[in-house]
Amino acid sequence: MALYPAVSSDHAQGSCEATAHLLSLGHQTVHHIAGPADSDPAMARAGGWRRTLEGAGIRAPEALHGDWSADSGYELGWRLAADPTVTSVFCANDEMAIGAIRAFFEAGRRVPEDVSVVRFDDLNVSAFLPTPLTTVHQDFHRMGEELVRLVVEQIRSTTRLSQPRVIIPPGLVVRGTTAAPSR
């Protein structure tokens, strides 16, 4: 049992939803630009992606680990852009997705016509892009409210919290960066 209140998103569930969405469009596999291998959220997201592919009878391609930055997404996006069989990518966060999309653009690969991209987080950066990004939305406002509620409850209580950890389910928001594969 946790000694202090904690609130987080269900990273694995969100990854499952993103991967299942891409598979439902007809993509044969989903590549993953993952966060750092020493990050718990990144590993949970990669685990959900891998389990969804394996559950569909698909061998997961190697996850490409970045450092959460647009620069790492750009570098890893170039690696994927060089492979014409890549038609869908799940990026572990917004910044890496933006970097990957830039790499695809520079390589002459169109999103979503040639490559579908889903990201995780749903920060407000999408509002500034010409094509709104399909995303796994984390409800940061609700997470903050839950954390404040838990902290206040712990301050007022003379005993440990019965449920000090709350997991908020994320949700897939389909926008303009996913489509059926063109080939």
Protein backbone atom coordinates (compact mmCIF):
# COMPACT_ATOMS: atom_id res chain seq x y z
CA MET A 1 0.00 0.00 0.00
CA ALA A 2 1.29 3.46 -0.91
CA LEU A 3 2.30 5.71 1.97
CA TYR A 4 1.20 8.87 0.20
CA PRO A 5 -1.57 9.84 -2.24
CA ALA A 6 -0.89 9.24 -5.92
CA VAL A 7 -2.97 9.85 -9.03
CA SER A 8 -2.03 8.74 -12.50
CA SER A 9 -3.43 7.81 -15.86
CA ASP A 10 -3.90 4.21 -16.96
CA HIS A 11 -1.00 4.31 -19.40
CA ALA A 12 -1.38 0.70 -20.55
CA GLN A 13 -5.10 1.10 -21.26
CA GLY A 14 -4.48 4.23 -23.32
CA SER A 15 -1.82 2.45 -25.36
CA CYS A 16 -4.16 -0.46 -25.97
CA GLU A 17 -6.82 1.93 -27.27
CA ALA A 18 -4.36 3.71 -29.57
CA THR A 19 -2.95 0.47 -30.97
CA ALA A 20 -6.38 -1.13 -31.40
CA HIS A 21 -7.58 1.97 -33.27
CA LEU A 22 -4.71 1.75 -35.76
CA LEU A 23 -5.27 -1.98 -36.25
CA SER A 24 -9.01 -1.40 -36.76
CA LEU A 25 -8.16 0.89 -39.68
CA GLY A 26 -6.41 -2.02 -41.40
CA HIS A 27 -2.75 -1.43 -40.53
CA GLN A 28 -0.82 -4.72 -40.46
CA THR A 29 1.27 -3.60 -37.47
CA VAL A 30 1.92 -0.53 -35.35
CA HIS A 31 5.41 0.81 -34.72
CA HIS A 32 6.15 2.50 -31.41
CA ILE A 33 8.28 5.52 -30.63
CA ALA A 34 8.58 4.91 -26.90
CA GLY A 35 9.74 6.98 -23.98
CA PRO A 36 12.89 6.18 -22.00
CA ALA A 37 13.38 2.55 -20.96
CA ASP A 38 13.81 3.66 -17.33
CA SER A 39 10.44 5.46 -17.18
CA ASP A 40 7.49 3.67 -15.57
CA PRO A 41 4.86 5.47 -17.71
CA ALA A 42 6.87 4.75 -20.87
CA MET A 43 7.15 1.07 -19.98
CA ALA A 44 3.43 0.84 -19.18
CA ARG A 45 2.60 2.47 -22.54
CA ALA A 46 4.98 0.12 -24.37
CA GLY A 47 3.48 -2.85 -22.53
CA GLY A 48 -0.07 -1.95 -23.58
CA TRP A 49 1.06 -1.50 -27.19
CA ARG A 50 2.88 -4.85 -27.20
CA ARG A 51 0.02 -6.77 -25.51
CA THR A 52 -2.51 -5.39 -28.00
CA LEU A 53 -0.39 -6.44 -30.98
CA GLU A 54 0.27 -9.89 -29.51
CA GLY A 55 -3.43 -10.27 -28.70
CA ALA A 56 -4.13 -9.68 -32.39
CA GLY A 57 -1.58 -12.33 -33.34
CA ILE A 58 0.98 -9.76 -34.51
CA ARG A 59 4.64 -9.89 -33.53
CA ALA A 60 5.54 -6.46 -32.15
CA PRO A 61 8.30 -4.64 -34.01
CA GLU A 62 11.18 -3.29 -31.95
CA ALA A 63 10.15 -0.27 -29.87
CA LEU A 64 12.36 2.74 -30.58
CA HIS A 65 13.18 4.54 -27.33
CA GLY A 66 13.50 8.31 -27.19
CA ASP A 67 13.80 10.81 -24.38
CA TRP A 68 10.33 12.44 -24.58
CA SER A 69 11.69 15.29 -26.76
CA ALA A 70 10.65 16.39 -30.24
CA ASP A 71 14.30 15.97 -31.25
CA SER A 72 14.25 12.28 -30.35
CA GLY A 73 10.90 11.84 -32.12
CA TYR A 74 12.39 13.51 -35.18
CA GLU A 75 15.46 11.25 -35.16
CA LEU A 76 13.42 8.09 -34.64
CA GLY A 77 10.81 9.28 -37.14
CA TRP A 78 13.53 9.44 -39.80
CA ARG A 79 14.42 5.81 -39.05
CA LEU A 80 10.81 4.79 -39.58
CA ALA A 81 10.31 7.06 -42.60
CA ALA A 82 13.11 5.23 -44.40
CA ASP A 83 11.06 2.01 -44.29
CA PRO A 84 8.25 2.14 -46.88
CA THR A 85 6.38 -0.68 -45.10
CA VAL A 86 5.76 1.54 -42.03
CA THR A 87 2.14 2.73 -42.21
CA SER A 88 1.31 3.47 -38.56
CA VAL A 89 3.12 4.78 -35.50
CA PHE A 90 2.10 5.16 -31.87
CA CYS A 91 4.19 7.85 -30.17
CA ALA A 92 4.53 7.85 -26.39
CA ASN A 93 3.97 11.60 -26.06
CA ASP A 94 3.07 14.77 -27.92
CA GLU A 95 6.56 16.11 -28.43
CA MET A 96 7.94 12.91 -29.95
CA ALA A 97 4.89 12.70 -32.23
CA ILE A 98 5.49 16.23 -33.50
CA GLY A 99 9.14 15.42 -34.18
CA ALA A 100 8.20 12.19 -35.98
CA ILE A 101 5.58 13.94 -38.10
CA ARG A 102 8.19 16.51 -39.13
CA ALA A 103 10.56 13.70 -40.16
CA PHE A 104 7.82 12.00 -42.18
CA PHE A 105 7.03 15.31 -43.89
CA GLU A 106 10.67 15.92 -44.78
CA ALA A 107 10.97 12.35 -46.10
CA GLY A 108 7.97 12.89 -48.38
CA ARG A 109 5.67 10.67 -46.31
CA ARG A 110 2.23 12.26 -45.78
CA VAL A 111 0.29 11.99 -42.52
CA PRO A 112 -2.24 10.34 -42.53
CA GLU A 113 -2.24 9.35 -46.22
CA ASP A 114 1.04 7.39 -46.01
CA VAL A 115 1.58 7.05 -42.25
CA SER A 116 -0.99 7.26 -39.45
CA VAL A 117 0.22 8.73 -36.15
CA VAL A 118 -1.33 8.58 -32.68
CA ARG A 119 0.20 10.36 -29.70
CA PHE A 120 -0.27 10.17 -25.93
CA ASP A 121 -1.04 13.11 -23.57
CA ASP A 122 -3.20 15.56 -25.56
CA LEU A 123 -1.47 18.76 -24.54
CA ASN A 124 -2.69 21.91 -26.25
CA VAL A 125 0.02 21.87 -28.94
CA SER A 126 -2.39 20.21 -31.37
CA ALA A 127 -4.35 23.44 -31.71
CA PHE A 128 -1.39 25.04 -33.49
CA LEU A 129 -0.90 22.32 -36.10
CA PRO A 130 -2.51 22.27 -39.55
CA THR A 131 -3.79 18.72 -38.96
CA PRO A 132 -5.11 18.05 -35.45
CA LEU A 133 -3.42 15.00 -33.93
CA THR A 134 -5.26 11.82 -32.97
CA THR A 135 -4.41 11.33 -29.32
CA VAL A 136 -4.82 9.43 -26.10
CA HIS A 137 -6.24 12.15 -23.85
CA GLN A 138 -5.13 12.30 -20.24
CA ASP A 139 -7.52 14.29 -18.07
CA PHE A 140 -4.91 16.32 -16.19
CA HIS A 141 -7.60 18.56 -14.66
CA ARG A 142 -9.39 15.57 -13.14
CA MET A 143 -6.07 14.09 -12.01
CA GLY A 144 -5.28 17.33 -10.18
CA GLU A 145 -8.71 17.42 -8.55
CA GLU A 146 -8.36 13.83 -7.36
CA LEU A 147 -4.90 14.47 -5.94
CA VAL A 148 -6.10 17.54 -4.02
CA ARG A 149 -9.06 15.51 -2.70
CA LEU A 150 -6.73 12.73 -1.51
CA VAL A 151 -4.29 15.14 0.13
CA VAL A 152 -7.08 16.98 1.95
CA GLU A 153 -8.57 13.65 3.04
CA GLN A 154 -5.20 12.50 4.36
CA ILE A 155 -4.63 15.77 6.24
CA ARG A 156 -8.05 15.50 7.90
CA SER A 157 -7.72 11.80 8.72
CA THR A 158 -5.96 10.27 11.69
CA THR A 159 -5.47 6.98 9.79
CA ARG A 160 -4.03 5.99 6.44
CA LEU A 161 -6.15 6.45 3.37
CA SER A 162 -8.06 3.35 2.35
CA GLN A 163 -7.37 4.10 -1.32
CA PRO A 164 -4.27 6.32 -1.63
CA ARG A 165 -3.78 5.58 -5.34
CA VAL A 166 -6.28 6.59 -8.02
CA ILE A 167 -6.01 5.61 -11.67
CA ILE A 168 -7.84 7.84 -14.15
CA PRO A 169 -8.81 6.17 -17.42
CA PRO A 170 -7.60 8.01 -20.53
CA GLY A 171 -9.63 8.19 -23.71
CA LEU A 172 -8.85 8.01 -27.41
CA VAL A 173 -9.69 11.18 -29.36
CA VAL A 174 -9.71 10.51 -33.11
CA ARG A 175 -8.71 13.55 -35.12
CA GLY A 176 -6.90 14.04 -38.42
CA THR A 177 -3.69 11.98 -38.25
CA THR A 178 -5.08 8.47 -38.69
CA ALA A 179 -6.55 6.75 -41.74
CA ALA A 180 -6.69 3.37 -43.41
CA PRO A 181 -3.40 2.39 -45.06
CA SER A 182 -3.16 3.49 -48.68
CA ARG A 183 -1.72 0.20 -49.89
